[in-house]
Amino acid sequence: MKCLKSTKTGAIIRVTDKEAHNSTSEWKYIPKSEWKALRKPVSEKQSEEAEKKAETISEKALKRQKLKDKQRPAEDLDNRLMEK
């Protein structure tokens, strides 16, 4: 099975390999993921979960950056150990 997209109308179809081979120049091959995206409706709950996930990722990044800023650089530690 192959996924084809019409260059004129933008319609996406899924056809057998033989039909795809015999298709006109109007049709171009596309990835299956593009065909699947049209088949799955996005609910409000899914979009809210995606937003939450993005938010938590950014919060984690901020926490990591704060922790990194608090830690002493390795150069300072090496210098102190060399002095002793």
Protein backbone atom coordinates (compact mmCIF):
# COMPACT_ATOMS: atom_id res chain seq x y z
CA MET A 1 0.00 0.00 0.00
CA LYS A 2 1.13 3.51 -0.84
CA CYS A 3 -0.10 6.95 0.12
CA LEU A 4 -0.57 9.50 -2.64
CA LYS A 5 -1.41 13.21 -2.55
CA SER A 6 -2.98 15.11 -5.41
CA THR A 7 -0.93 18.14 -6.43
CA LYS A 8 -4.09 19.82 -7.78
CA THR A 9 -6.60 19.28 -4.98
CA GLY A 10 -4.44 18.20 -2.04
CA ALA A 11 -6.55 15.08 -1.52
CA ILE A 12 -4.74 12.16 0.12
CA ILE A 13 -5.53 8.55 -0.82
CA ARG A 14 -4.17 5.14 0.09
CA VAL A 15 -3.89 2.68 -2.83
CA THR A 16 -2.21 -0.61 -3.70
CA ASP A 17 1.32 -0.67 -5.09
CA LYS A 18 0.08 -1.46 -8.62
CA GLU A 19 -2.41 1.41 -8.60
CA ALA A 20 0.26 3.76 -7.28
CA HIS A 21 2.67 2.73 -10.02
CA ASN A 22 0.02 3.43 -12.67
CA SER A 23 -0.98 6.80 -11.20
CA THR A 24 -0.73 9.98 -13.25
CA SER A 25 1.74 12.78 -12.69
CA GLU A 26 -0.94 14.56 -10.66
CA TRP A 27 -0.26 12.24 -7.70
CA LYS A 28 2.88 12.36 -5.54
CA TYR A 29 4.06 9.88 -2.91
CA ILE A 30 3.79 11.02 0.72
CA PRO A 31 4.68 9.39 4.07
CA LYS A 32 2.07 7.25 5.77
CA SER A 33 2.25 9.49 8.85
CA GLU A 34 0.71 12.34 6.83
CA TRP A 35 -2.19 10.06 5.82
CA LYS A 36 -2.63 8.90 9.45
CA ALA A 37 -2.71 12.48 10.72
CA LEU A 38 -5.87 13.14 8.73
CA ARG A 39 -7.56 10.02 10.10
CA LYS A 40 -7.10 10.78 13.80
CA PRO A 41 -9.17 13.67 15.14
CA VAL A 42 -7.42 15.64 17.88
CA SER A 43 -9.60 16.01 20.93
CA GLU A 44 -9.46 18.90 23.38
CA LYS A 45 -8.10 16.56 26.03
CA GLN A 46 -5.18 15.51 23.82
CA SER A 47 -4.32 19.12 22.99
CA GLU A 48 -4.43 20.06 26.70
CA GLU A 49 -2.14 17.14 27.55
CA ALA A 50 0.31 18.23 24.87
CA GLU A 51 0.36 21.76 26.31
CA LYS A 52 0.93 20.43 29.83
CA LYS A 53 3.76 18.24 28.62
CA ALA A 54 5.46 21.18 26.93
CA GLU A 55 5.01 23.24 30.08
CA THR A 56 6.52 20.58 32.35
CA ILE A 57 9.48 20.17 30.01
CA SER A 58 10.22 23.89 30.20
CA GLU A 59 9.85 23.83 33.99
CA LYS A 60 12.34 20.97 34.20
CA ALA A 61 14.76 22.87 32.01
CA LEU A 62 14.55 25.90 34.29
CA LYS A 63 15.15 23.75 37.37
CA ARG A 64 18.18 22.14 35.75
CA GLN A 65 19.60 25.54 34.82
CA LYS A 66 19.15 26.84 38.39
CA LEU A 67 20.88 23.76 39.77
CA LYS A 68 23.71 24.17 37.30
CA ASP A 69 24.15 27.81 38.31
CA LYS A 70 24.35 26.84 41.98
CA GLN A 71 27.03 24.22 41.45
CA ARG A 72 30.65 25.24 41.64
CA PRO A 73 32.64 25.08 38.44
CA ALA A 74 35.14 22.21 38.26
CA GLU A 75 38.04 24.64 37.74
CA ASP A 76 37.48 26.25 41.14
CA LEU A 77 37.47 22.85 42.80
CA ASP A 78 40.71 21.82 41.08
CA ASN A 79 42.41 25.07 42.13
CA ARG A 80 41.40 24.61 45.76
CA LEU A 81 42.67 21.04 45.82
CA MET A 82 46.00 22.07 44.30
CA GLU A 83 46.54 24.75 46.96
CA LYS A 84 46.33 22.23 49.80
